[in-house]
Protein backbone atom coordinates (compact mmCIF):
# COMPACT_ATOMS: atom_id res chain seq x y z
CA UNK A 1 13.85 37.49 45.53
CA UNK A 2 13.95 39.76 48.43
CA UNK A 3 11.07 41.69 49.99
CA UNK A 4 11.96 44.93 48.41
CA UNK A 5 11.75 43.37 45.05
CA UNK A 6 8.21 42.31 45.80
CA UNK A 7 7.38 45.97 46.62
CA UNK A 8 8.91 47.40 43.43
CA UNK A 9 6.30 49.22 41.27
CA UNK A 10 6.40 46.52 38.64
CA UNK A 11 4.81 43.97 40.66
CA UNK A 12 1.14 43.61 41.77
CA UNK A 13 0.30 43.75 45.47
CA UNK A 14 -1.20 40.35 46.77
CA UNK A 15 -4.63 41.71 47.38
CA UNK A 16 -4.82 42.74 43.62
CA UNK A 17 -3.35 39.53 42.45
CA UNK A 18 -5.67 37.25 44.45
CA UNK A 19 -8.62 39.29 43.20
CA UNK A 20 -7.93 38.91 39.58
CA UNK A 21 -9.95 36.11 38.18
CA UNK A 22 -9.21 37.20 34.40
CA UNK A 23 -6.03 34.87 34.05
CA UNK A 24 -7.79 31.52 33.81
CA UNK A 25 -11.15 30.76 32.42
CA UNK A 26 -12.81 27.46 32.99
CA UNK A 27 -14.92 26.46 29.97
CA UNK A 28 -17.08 23.45 29.05
CA UNK A 29 -15.72 20.91 26.68
CA UNK A 30 -18.64 21.42 24.25
CA UNK A 31 -17.40 24.90 23.78
CA UNK A 32 -14.11 23.95 22.48
CA UNK A 33 -14.04 24.17 18.62
CA UNK A 34 -11.71 21.66 17.18
CA UNK A 35 -10.18 22.96 13.81
CA UNK A 36 -8.51 19.92 11.89
CA UNK A 37 -4.81 20.45 10.86
CA UNK A 38 -4.38 21.53 7.34
CA UNK A 39 -3.38 18.78 4.90
CA UNK A 40 -0.01 19.51 3.35
CA UNK A 41 0.78 18.05 -0.10
CA UNK A 42 3.55 15.69 -0.42
CA UNK A 43 4.82 14.52 -3.73
CA UNK A 44 6.68 10.98 -3.93
CA UNK A 45 8.27 11.21 -7.32
CA UNK A 46 5.29 11.93 -9.77
CA UNK A 47 2.86 10.51 -7.12
CA UNK A 48 0.71 12.83 -4.85
CA UNK A 49 0.12 11.11 -1.44
CA UNK A 50 -3.12 10.52 0.08
CA UNK A 51 -4.82 9.42 3.26
CA UNK A 52 -3.91 6.15 5.07
CA UNK A 53 -5.71 2.99 3.91
CA UNK A 54 -4.32 0.65 6.39
CA UNK A 55 -1.34 -0.64 8.36
CA UNK A 56 0.01 -4.09 8.72
CA UNK A 57 3.34 -5.37 10.36
CA UNK A 58 5.36 -4.53 7.34
CA UNK A 59 4.27 -1.04 7.04
CA UNK A 60 1.63 1.57 6.11
CA UNK A 61 -0.51 1.59 3.02
CA UNK A 62 -1.76 5.03 1.70
CA UNK A 63 -3.58 6.18 -1.45
CA UNK A 64 -1.71 7.79 -4.20
CA UNK A 65 -2.42 9.91 -7.41
CA UNK A 66 -0.40 9.53 -10.56
CA UNK A 67 -0.03 12.98 -11.50
CA UNK A 68 1.03 12.05 -15.24
CA UNK A 69 -1.90 9.56 -15.88
CA UNK A 70 -4.22 10.61 -13.20
CA UNK A 71 -4.67 6.91 -12.19
CA UNK A 72 -5.66 6.22 -8.57
CA UNK A 73 -2.96 4.07 -6.91
CA UNK A 74 -1.91 2.62 -3.48
CA UNK A 75 1.65 2.73 -2.04
CA UNK A 76 2.96 0.40 0.61
CA UNK A 77 5.66 2.32 2.74
CA UNK A 78 8.32 0.03 4.08
CA UNK A 79 10.76 1.33 6.62
CA UNK A 80 14.07 -0.38 6.66
CA UNK A 81 14.38 0.18 10.48
CA UNK A 82 10.91 -1.59 11.09
CA UNK A 83 11.79 -4.45 8.65
CA UNK A 84 14.91 -5.12 10.54
CA UNK A 85 12.78 -5.99 13.67
CA UNK A 86 10.77 -8.66 11.71
CA UNK A 87 12.24 -12.37 11.06
CA UNK A 88 13.17 -12.30 7.37
CA UNK A 89 11.44 -8.87 6.85
CA UNK A 90 13.84 -7.52 4.41
CA UNK A 91 14.30 -10.79 2.40
CA UNK A 92 10.46 -11.15 2.19
CA UNK A 93 10.17 -7.61 0.82
CA UNK A 94 12.78 -8.10 -1.86
CA UNK A 95 11.49 -11.51 -2.71
CA UNK A 96 7.88 -9.89 -3.11
CA UNK A 97 9.08 -7.09 -5.36
CA UNK A 98 10.97 -9.57 -7.48
CA UNK A 99 7.96 -11.75 -7.85
CA UNK A 100 5.44 -9.17 -8.57
CA UNK A 101 7.63 -7.68 -11.42
CA UNK A 102 7.30 -10.82 -13.39
CA UNK A 103 3.58 -11.48 -12.75
CA UNK A 104 0.76 -9.80 -14.75
CA UNK A 105 -2.86 -11.18 -14.26
CA UNK A 106 -6.19 -9.83 -13.79
CA UNK A 107 -6.58 -11.64 -10.36
CA UNK A 108 -3.11 -10.94 -9.10
CA UNK A 109 -2.25 -7.43 -7.65
CA UNK A 110 0.11 -5.49 -10.09
CA UNK A 111 3.13 -3.76 -9.12
CA UNK A 112 3.28 -0.48 -10.91
CA UNK A 113 6.46 1.25 -9.67
CA UNK A 114 9.07 0.84 -6.87
CA UNK A 115 10.81 4.00 -5.58
CA UNK A 116 13.51 4.14 -3.00
CA UNK A 117 14.50 7.16 -0.80
CA UNK A 118 16.89 8.13 1.98
CA UNK A 119 14.30 9.71 4.56
CA UNK A 120 15.08 12.92 6.15
CA UNK A 121 14.24 11.66 9.70
CA UNK A 122 14.95 13.67 12.78
CA UNK A 123 18.09 12.66 14.63
CA UNK A 124 19.88 13.76 17.74
CA UNK A 125 21.56 16.95 17.59
CA UNK A 126 24.96 16.31 15.76
CA UNK A 127 28.16 18.49 15.52
CA UNK A 128 31.59 17.91 14.49
CA UNK A 129 32.45 18.25 18.14
CA UNK A 130 30.46 15.18 18.92
CA UNK A 131 31.92 13.26 15.91
CA UNK A 132 35.47 13.89 17.18
CA UNK A 133 34.29 12.80 20.62
CA UNK A 134 32.96 9.57 19.26
CA UNK A 135 36.13 8.90 17.12
CA UNK A 136 38.21 9.48 20.14
CA UNK A 137 36.17 7.40 22.48
CA UNK A 138 35.42 4.29 20.57
CA UNK A 139 37.68 2.19 18.44
CA UNK A 140 37.16 2.00 14.78
CA UNK A 141 35.49 -1.57 14.78
CA UNK A 142 32.58 -0.24 17.16
CA UNK A 143 32.33 3.25 15.77
CA UNK A 144 29.89 2.41 12.75
CA UNK A 145 27.65 0.47 15.11
CA UNK A 146 27.62 3.06 17.77
CA UNK A 147 26.86 5.95 15.20
CA UNK A 148 24.03 3.79 13.78
CA UNK A 149 22.26 3.13 16.99
CA UNK A 150 22.42 6.55 18.55
CA UNK A 151 22.02 8.68 15.54
CA UNK A 152 20.01 6.38 13.02
CA UNK A 153 22.13 7.10 10.08
CA UNK A 154 22.21 3.73 8.70
CA UNK A 155 18.54 2.84 9.09
CA UNK A 156 16.99 5.90 7.44
CA UNK A 157 15.93 4.11 4.12
CA UNK A 158 12.51 3.62 2.84
CA UNK A 159 10.95 1.71 0.02
CA UNK A 160 7.80 2.77 -1.68
CA UNK A 161 5.83 -0.06 -3.58
CA UNK A 162 3.44 1.55 -5.78
CA UNK A 163 0.52 -0.78 -6.82
CA UNK A 164 -2.96 -0.81 -8.38
CA UNK A 165 -5.55 0.52 -6.22
CA UNK A 166 -8.15 -1.75 -4.78
CA UNK A 167 -11.15 -0.24 -2.84
CA UNK A 168 -11.26 -2.70 0.15
CA UNK A 169 -10.46 -6.10 1.24
CA UNK A 170 -12.63 -9.21 1.43
CA UNK A 171 -12.19 -9.58 5.17
CA UNK A 172 -13.37 -5.93 5.58
CA UNK A 173 -16.61 -6.80 3.77
CA UNK A 174 -17.12 -9.73 5.84
CA UNK A 175 -16.66 -7.72 9.10
CA UNK A 176 -19.28 -5.29 7.84
CA UNK A 177 -22.39 -7.59 7.93
CA UNK A 178 -23.56 -9.36 11.12
CA UNK A 179 -23.61 -12.59 9.20
CA UNK A 180 -19.90 -12.42 8.51
CA UNK A 181 -20.40 -14.38 5.23
CA UNK A 182 -21.33 -13.92 1.74
CA UNK A 183 -24.34 -15.17 -0.11
CA UNK A 184 -23.66 -18.23 -2.21
CA UNK A 185 -23.82 -16.61 -5.55
CA UNK A 186 -21.45 -13.89 -4.45
CA UNK A 187 -19.18 -16.38 -2.72
CA UNK A 188 -19.11 -18.57 -5.97
CA UNK A 189 -17.91 -15.51 -8.21
CA UNK A 190 -15.11 -14.63 -5.68
CA UNK A 191 -14.01 -18.11 -5.48
CA UNK A 192 -14.00 -18.75 -9.34
CA UNK A 193 -11.52 -15.66 -9.52
CA UNK A 194 -9.38 -17.05 -6.78
CA UNK A 195 -8.93 -20.15 -8.81
CA UNK A 196 -8.00 -18.27 -11.91
CA UNK A 197 -5.41 -16.37 -9.76
CA UNK A 198 -4.07 -19.36 -8.11
CA UNK A 199 -3.91 -21.28 -11.46
CA UNK A 200 -1.75 -18.58 -12.96
CA UNK A 201 0.56 -18.43 -9.88
CA UNK A 202 0.95 -22.15 -9.91
CA UNK A 203 1.68 -21.89 -13.80
CA UNK A 204 4.52 -19.50 -13.14
CA UNK A 205 5.86 -21.94 -10.31
CA UNK A 206 4.96 -19.79 -7.48
CA UNK A 207 3.39 -21.05 -4.31
CA UNK A 208 1.64 -18.29 -2.31
CA UNK A 209 1.41 -20.16 1.13
CA UNK A 210 -0.90 -17.58 2.63
CA UNK A 211 -4.23 -17.64 0.95
CA UNK A 212 -6.88 -16.10 3.11
CA UNK A 213 -9.63 -13.48 3.02
CA UNK A 214 -7.33 -10.89 4.42
CA UNK A 215 -4.90 -11.03 1.39
CA UNK A 216 -7.63 -11.01 -1.18
CA UNK A 217 -8.50 -7.48 -2.35
CA UNK A 218 -11.57 -6.14 -4.45
CA UNK A 219 -11.62 -3.49 -7.08
CA UNK A 220 -14.73 -1.14 -7.63
CA UNK A 221 -15.86 -3.48 -10.50
CA UNK A 222 -15.78 -6.73 -8.30
CA UNK A 223 -12.60 -7.96 -9.49
CA UNK A 224 -10.50 -10.09 -6.91
CA UNK A 225 -6.79 -9.56 -6.61
CA UNK A 226 -4.37 -11.93 -4.80
CA UNK A 227 -2.02 -9.86 -2.77
CA UNK A 228 0.83 -10.09 -0.32
CA UNK A 229 3.45 -12.46 -1.80
CA UNK A 230 5.81 -11.63 1.14
CA UNK A 231 5.92 -15.38 2.20
CA UNK A 232 5.54 -16.93 -1.39
CA UNK A 233 7.91 -19.23 -2.73
CA UNK A 234 9.22 -19.47 -6.41
CA UNK A 235 10.10 -23.01 -7.38
CA UNK A 236 13.29 -23.78 -9.25
CA UNK A 237 12.40 -23.82 -12.98
CA UNK A 238 13.86 -27.29 -13.34
CA UNK A 239 12.41 -28.43 -10.40
CA UNK A 240 10.99 -32.17 -10.60
CA UNK A 241 7.92 -31.35 -8.49
CA UNK A 242 6.26 -28.67 -6.17
CA UNK A 243 8.22 -29.83 -3.17
CA UNK A 244 8.50 -27.00 -0.26
CA UNK A 245 10.29 -26.95 2.98
CA UNK A 246 9.38 -23.83 4.83
CA UNK A 247 6.04 -22.08 5.66
CA UNK A 248 5.08 -18.80 7.31
CA UNK A 249 1.43 -18.56 6.47
CA UNK A 250 -1.44 -17.86 9.01
CA UNK A 251 -2.00 -20.76 11.57
CA UNK A 252 -5.69 -21.21 10.92
CA UNK A 253 -5.15 -21.81 7.17
CA UNK A 254 -2.17 -24.29 7.44
CA UNK A 255 -2.69 -27.98 6.22
CA UNK A 256 -2.34 -30.97 8.39
CA UNK A 257 1.27 -31.69 6.95
CA UNK A 258 2.56 -28.56 8.12
CA UNK A 259 0.68 -28.76 11.49
CA UNK A 260 2.33 -32.05 12.26
CA UNK A 261 5.73 -30.75 11.28
CA UNK A 262 6.74 -32.66 8.32
CA UNK A 263 10.08 -31.80 6.55
CA UNK A 264 8.67 -31.64 3.12
CA UNK A 265 5.10 -31.06 1.64
CA UNK A 266 3.58 -30.07 -1.59
CA UNK A 267 3.45 -26.48 -2.23
CA UNK A 268 0.43 -26.51 -4.49
CA UNK A 269 -1.75 -28.64 -2.17
CA UNK A 270 -1.08 -26.00 0.56
CA UNK A 271 -2.50 -23.40 -1.44
CA UNK A 272 -5.53 -25.77 -2.21
CA UNK A 273 -5.94 -26.25 1.23
CA UNK A 274 -6.02 -22.47 2.18
CA UNK A 275 -8.40 -21.90 -0.52
CA UNK A 276 -10.73 -24.51 0.91
CA UNK A 277 -10.65 -22.89 4.32
CA UNK A 278 -11.25 -19.53 2.77
CA UNK A 279 -14.29 -21.08 0.96
CA UNK A 280 -15.33 -22.64 4.06
CA UNK A 281 -15.24 -19.27 5.97
CA UNK A 282 -16.95 -16.95 3.40
CA UNK A 283 -19.78 -19.38 3.01
CA UNK A 284 -20.36 -20.37 6.56
CA UNK A 285 -18.55 -17.37 8.84
CA UNK A 286 -16.87 -20.25 10.58
CA UNK A 287 -13.48 -21.93 10.45
CA UNK A 288 -13.11 -25.73 10.25
CA UNK A 289 -10.49 -25.85 13.03
CA UNK A 290 -10.24 -23.58 16.01
CA UNK A 291 -8.18 -23.55 19.24
CA UNK A 292 -7.65 -21.50 22.27
CA UNK A 293 -4.04 -21.02 21.30
CA UNK A 294 -1.77 -21.95 18.55
CA UNK A 295 -0.49 -25.01 20.01
CA UNK A 296 -4.34 -26.46 20.34
CA UNK A 297 -5.09 -25.09 16.95
CA UNK A 298 -2.39 -27.03 15.49
CA UNK A 299 -3.35 -30.30 17.41
CA UNK A 300 -6.90 -29.94 15.97
CA UNK A 301 -5.61 -29.35 12.47
CA UNK A 302 -3.12 -32.38 12.80
CA UNK A 303 -6.16 -34.72 13.77
CA UNK A 304 -7.96 -33.57 10.70
CA UNK A 305 -11.56 -33.79 12.35
CA UNK A 306 -14.08 -31.15 11.37
CA UNK A 307 -17.69 -30.80 10.62
CA UNK A 308 -19.65 -28.78 7.69
CA UNK A 309 -22.80 -27.23 8.58
CA UNK A 310 -25.95 -28.89 7.01
CA UNK A 311 -26.92 -25.58 5.24
CA UNK A 312 -24.11 -25.63 2.98
CA UNK A 313 -25.89 -28.49 0.83
CA UNK A 314 -24.56 -31.62 -0.77
CA UNK A 315 -22.56 -30.02 -3.56
CA UNK A 316 -20.65 -27.46 -1.60
CA UNK A 317 -20.07 -30.17 1.20
CA UNK A 318 -18.54 -32.61 -1.23
CA UNK A 319 -16.28 -29.87 -2.70
CA UNK A 320 -15.05 -28.63 0.89
CA UNK A 321 -14.47 -32.33 1.77
CA UNK A 322 -12.34 -32.66 -1.43
CA UNK A 323 -10.33 -29.46 -0.77
CA UNK A 324 -9.81 -30.28 2.90
CA UNK A 325 -8.56 -33.91 2.35
CA UNK A 326 -6.16 -35.01 5.11
CA UNK A 327 -3.88 -36.85 2.59
CA UNK A 328 -2.31 -34.35 0.15
CA UNK A 329 -2.16 -36.97 -2.43
CA UNK A 330 -5.95 -37.38 -2.51
CA UNK A 331 -6.55 -33.65 -2.14
CA UNK A 332 -8.38 -32.04 -5.06
CA UNK A 333 -6.28 -30.36 -7.81
CA UNK A 334 -7.29 -27.04 -9.44
CA UNK A 335 -8.35 -29.05 -12.56
CA UNK A 336 -10.55 -31.38 -10.37
CA UNK A 337 -12.08 -28.16 -8.57
CA UNK A 338 -12.94 -26.70 -11.86
CA UNK A 339 -14.73 -29.74 -12.92
CA UNK A 340 -16.69 -29.87 -9.84
CA UNK A 341 -20.55 -29.41 -10.02
CA UNK A 342 -20.66 -26.74 -7.32
CA UNK A 343 -18.18 -24.61 -9.44
CA UNK A 344 -19.78 -25.29 -12.76
CA UNK A 345 -23.27 -24.53 -11.48
CA UNK A 346 -24.89 -21.12 -12.00
CA UNK A 347 -26.14 -19.88 -8.50
CA UNK A 348 -29.18 -17.62 -8.62
CA UNK A 349 -29.01 -14.60 -6.29
CA UNK A 350 -31.40 -15.67 -3.45
CA UNK A 351 -30.01 -12.96 -1.19
CA UNK A 352 -28.78 -9.38 -1.68
CA UNK A 353 -24.95 -9.18 -2.15
CA UNK A 354 -22.80 -7.79 0.45
CA UNK A 355 -21.79 -4.28 -0.64
CA UNK A 356 -18.57 -2.41 -0.20
CA UNK A 357 -18.73 -0.87 3.12
CA UNK A 358 -18.07 2.85 3.80
CA UNK A 359 -14.53 3.79 4.67
CA UNK A 360 -13.69 3.32 8.32
CA UNK A 361 -12.63 6.89 9.21
CA UNK A 362 -14.82 9.19 6.96
CA UNK A 363 -17.71 6.57 6.62
CA UNK A 364 -17.71 7.65 2.96
CA UNK A 365 -20.14 5.23 1.23
CA UNK A 366 -18.47 6.14 -2.29
CA UNK A 367 -14.84 5.67 -1.04
CA UNK A 368 -13.94 8.86 -2.76
CA UNK A 369 -10.50 9.93 -3.48
CA UNK A 370 -8.73 11.12 -0.46
CA UNK A 371 -6.04 13.00 -2.52
CA UNK A 372 -8.42 15.89 -3.17
CA UNK A 373 -7.65 18.03 -0.16
CA UNK A 374 -3.91 17.68 -0.91
CA UNK A 375 -4.59 18.77 -4.58
CA UNK A 376 -6.43 21.94 -3.29
CA UNK A 377 -3.28 22.45 -0.89
CA UNK A 378 -0.78 21.81 -3.77
CA UNK A 379 -2.53 23.76 -6.60
CA UNK A 380 -3.86 26.71 -4.52
CA UNK A 381 -7.55 26.29 -4.77
CA UNK A 382 -8.22 27.91 -1.36
CA UNK A 383 -8.68 31.63 -0.32
CA UNK A 384 -6.30 34.02 -2.25
CA UNK A 385 -4.72 35.34 1.02
CA UNK A 386 -3.30 31.95 1.71
CA UNK A 387 -1.54 31.43 -1.71
CA UNK A 388 1.58 32.85 -0.24
CA UNK A 389 1.65 30.70 2.86
CA UNK A 390 0.76 27.58 0.96
CA UNK A 391 4.10 27.48 -1.02
CA UNK A 392 6.38 29.09 1.53
CA UNK A 393 7.30 25.67 3.03
CA UNK A 394 9.23 23.93 0.41
CA UNK A 395 10.21 21.33 2.99
CA UNK A 396 6.54 20.01 2.82
CA UNK A 397 7.06 18.99 -0.59
CA UNK A 398 9.27 16.06 -1.72
CA UNK A 399 10.40 16.35 -5.40
CA UNK A 400 11.36 13.76 -7.79
CA UNK A 401 15.07 14.19 -7.59
CA UNK A 402 15.32 12.80 -4.11
CA UNK A 403 14.15 9.41 -5.58
CA UNK A 404 15.96 6.86 -7.49
CA UNK A 405 14.03 4.27 -9.76
CA UNK A 406 16.30 1.38 -11.17
CA UNK A 407 16.94 1.65 -14.85
CA UNK A 408 15.30 5.22 -15.15
CA UNK A 409 16.82 7.76 -17.32
CA UNK A 410 16.35 11.44 -16.65
CA UNK A 411 13.75 13.30 -18.94
CA UNK A 412 16.19 16.23 -19.58
CA UNK A 413 18.92 13.70 -20.87
CA UNK A 414 16.27 12.02 -23.14
CA UNK A 415 15.14 15.48 -24.59
CA UNK A 416 18.63 16.43 -25.26
CA UNK A 417 19.44 13.11 -27.06
CA UNK A 418 16.27 13.52 -29.16
CA UNK A 419 17.24 16.93 -30.29
CA UNK A 420 20.69 15.89 -31.44
CA UNK A 421 19.15 13.18 -33.25
CA UNK A 422 16.74 15.51 -34.99
CA UNK A 423 19.46 18.09 -35.75
CA UNK A 424 21.48 15.38 -37.31
CA UNK A 425 18.60 14.18 -39.55
CA UNK A 426 17.48 17.64 -40.64
CA UNK A 427 21.00 19.06 -41.31
CA UNK A 428 22.70 22.51 -40.87
CA UNK A 429 20.55 24.05 -43.79
CA UNK A 430 16.94 23.09 -42.44
CA UNK A 431 15.73 24.65 -39.21
CA UNK A 432 14.52 22.24 -36.68
CA UNK A 433 10.69 22.00 -36.41
CA UNK A 434 9.15 22.15 -33.17
CA UNK A 435 7.17 18.94 -32.19
CA UNK A 436 3.69 19.52 -30.82
CA UNK A 437 2.41 17.15 -28.26
CA UNK A 438 -0.59 15.17 -29.29
CA UNK A 439 -2.97 13.40 -27.01
CA UNK A 440 -3.86 9.61 -27.25
CA UNK A 441 -7.22 10.52 -29.08
CA UNK A 442 -5.31 12.76 -31.72
CA UNK A 443 -6.26 16.23 -30.22
CA UNK A 444 -3.67 18.86 -29.93
CA UNK A 445 -3.65 20.50 -26.35
CA UNK A 446 -3.08 24.18 -25.92
CA UNK A 447 0.46 25.69 -26.62
CA UNK A 448 2.86 25.69 -23.65
CA UNK A 449 5.76 27.81 -22.92
CA UNK A 450 9.34 26.44 -23.44
CA UNK A 451 10.78 24.56 -20.32
CA UNK A 452 13.26 27.29 -19.71
CA UNK A 453 10.53 30.08 -19.49
CA UNK A 454 8.27 27.92 -17.35
CA UNK A 455 11.31 27.10 -15.05
CA UNK A 456 12.19 30.77 -14.51
CA UNK A 457 8.62 31.92 -14.16
CA UNK A 458 7.98 29.18 -11.52
CA UNK A 459 11.36 29.86 -9.73
CA UNK A 460 10.52 33.62 -9.55
CA UNK A 461 7.12 33.16 -8.26
CA UNK A 462 6.72 30.08 -5.98
CA UNK A 463 2.86 30.22 -6.03
CA UNK A 464 3.12 29.61 -9.72
CA UNK A 465 4.24 26.07 -9.23
CA UNK A 466 0.74 25.00 -8.12
CA UNK A 467 -0.97 26.92 -10.93
CA UNK A 468 0.97 25.50 -13.70
CA UNK A 469 0.63 21.82 -12.32
CA UNK A 470 -2.93 22.44 -11.99
CA UNK A 471 -3.38 23.78 -15.70
CA UNK A 472 -1.38 20.71 -16.84
CA UNK A 473 -3.56 18.13 -15.06
CA UNK A 474 -6.74 20.15 -16.49
CA UNK A 475 -5.60 19.88 -19.94
CA UNK A 476 -4.55 16.28 -19.56
CA UNK A 477 -8.06 15.50 -18.08
CA UNK A 478 -9.83 17.42 -20.88
CA UNK A 479 -8.04 15.56 -23.41
CA UNK A 480 -8.98 12.14 -21.91
CA UNK A 481 -12.54 13.28 -21.77
CA UNK A 482 -12.54 14.13 -25.58
C-alpha cells in the first residue's frame, strides 16, 4: 500500500485513529452474561433424547422418553469407531445384546429396544475429482482402507441400546456420603436383591464376572438391577459344570484363582467372591485387598490374607469369611448364603439410610426428567415469535425412517394389510366400518383426522408437527390418568 493510498479520503488520519477509544472496551468478567445454548429436540426413532447421564469406556448413556408409552428410558450410545479401539469391544457389545434379550428378571437390567443407525458424521470435503484421484493413485486392494481411514466412511455406524431407566448407581450413592458405606439394614436389603439376581443369572447358565457396586443400579423404588453384561459368559447348555477360562473383570474384585493365573476356574464361584468383596465394601467402606498397582494387588489377592473390622460383628464376619474363602470348593454357594443367619436375620434401622443423591450437574434432589426442555422445543411451548424458527431446522430432528430395527414391519404396511382383511370379511356390499381407537381403560379418545389429512396439514405448515405430537401425548396421558 502506497503513501497516496493512506491519504485517500476513505481512510482515517493517524491522529484520529489513535484517539478513538470506542473500538475496544475492557469489561469485567462479572458483567458478562452467559446465555445457555438452546436445547434442540432429537428424535431417535420413537424416543426423544434427553441429557447425559454418564459416560464410560464403551460410550455415553443418556436419558430418553418413549413418545408412545411415555416411559422414562436410558440409552447406551455405542460408536463403532470407538468400539474398535477397545479389545473385544464389538464382540462384547454383541454378546451383551444377545444375553439381555433372553433375560427378564426384576433384579437384572432389562433391554427394551435396539436401534441401528448410519450416522451423519462430518467428513472431509469429498468430490468426484478426489475420488478419481484416489482411484488413480492407489491400487484396488488399498483403496478401501485408504478411504476408510481418511474419510471415515466405514466406521460411521452407531448402536443405540434402549434400557429401563435407573435413577442412579450404587457407587454414586456410596460416594455421596462421608462414610462411604451403607447402614447394615440398607446393605442387607441390597445384598438380598443381589443374591436374587445372581441366582437367576446362574440358573440361565450365565456367569457375570464383573459384580461390583459400579455395575449395580437402583430405581426410584429401591430395586437393585444388575447391569453391564459385556464381559459375561454364557455356558454351553450341555456343559458338565461351570468351568470358565477367561476373565475381564475389575482387578480388585477378582478371586485368588484368577490372580494366580489358573487356566480354568469355577465361574459361579467367581461371582460369589465378587459379591463378597461388594458386601465387604458397602458395609465397611474398605476393600479386603489393596495394592499400589495391579501387580501388587494381584499378589495380595493370591496370598489370600485379609482382615475384617471388628465393627462388622460375628454374623457378618462369618458370612464374609465363607464368601471370601481361598479354596473355591469350600467357598459358599448361593444356597449356603441364603441359609446364613446374617441373611435370614431382620436388621432394624439403627441409622438413617443413605438417600439418592442430587444429580451431578443440575443438583436436582428429585432427579427430574431432563427431557422436558426438549419437549418444549419440539412442541413449541415457548414464545410465539420463535415457533417458525423452531421448526426450520429439519436437520436437528432425526426421524424413524433413518433407523432399522431387526424384525420390525412398517406401520403403513400393517395398516394396509388390516384394511384388506377387513374388506374381504365384510364383502363388496357392506361398507367398511371405521375402527375407533380405544384406550387400555376402555375410554375413547377424541376423534382424529385421517392420516392423509394429518400428513398434508403437517407438511404444509412445519410448525404444526410439534402441535399435533403434543396433542397426541396429552390425549395419551389423559387416558392413562382416567
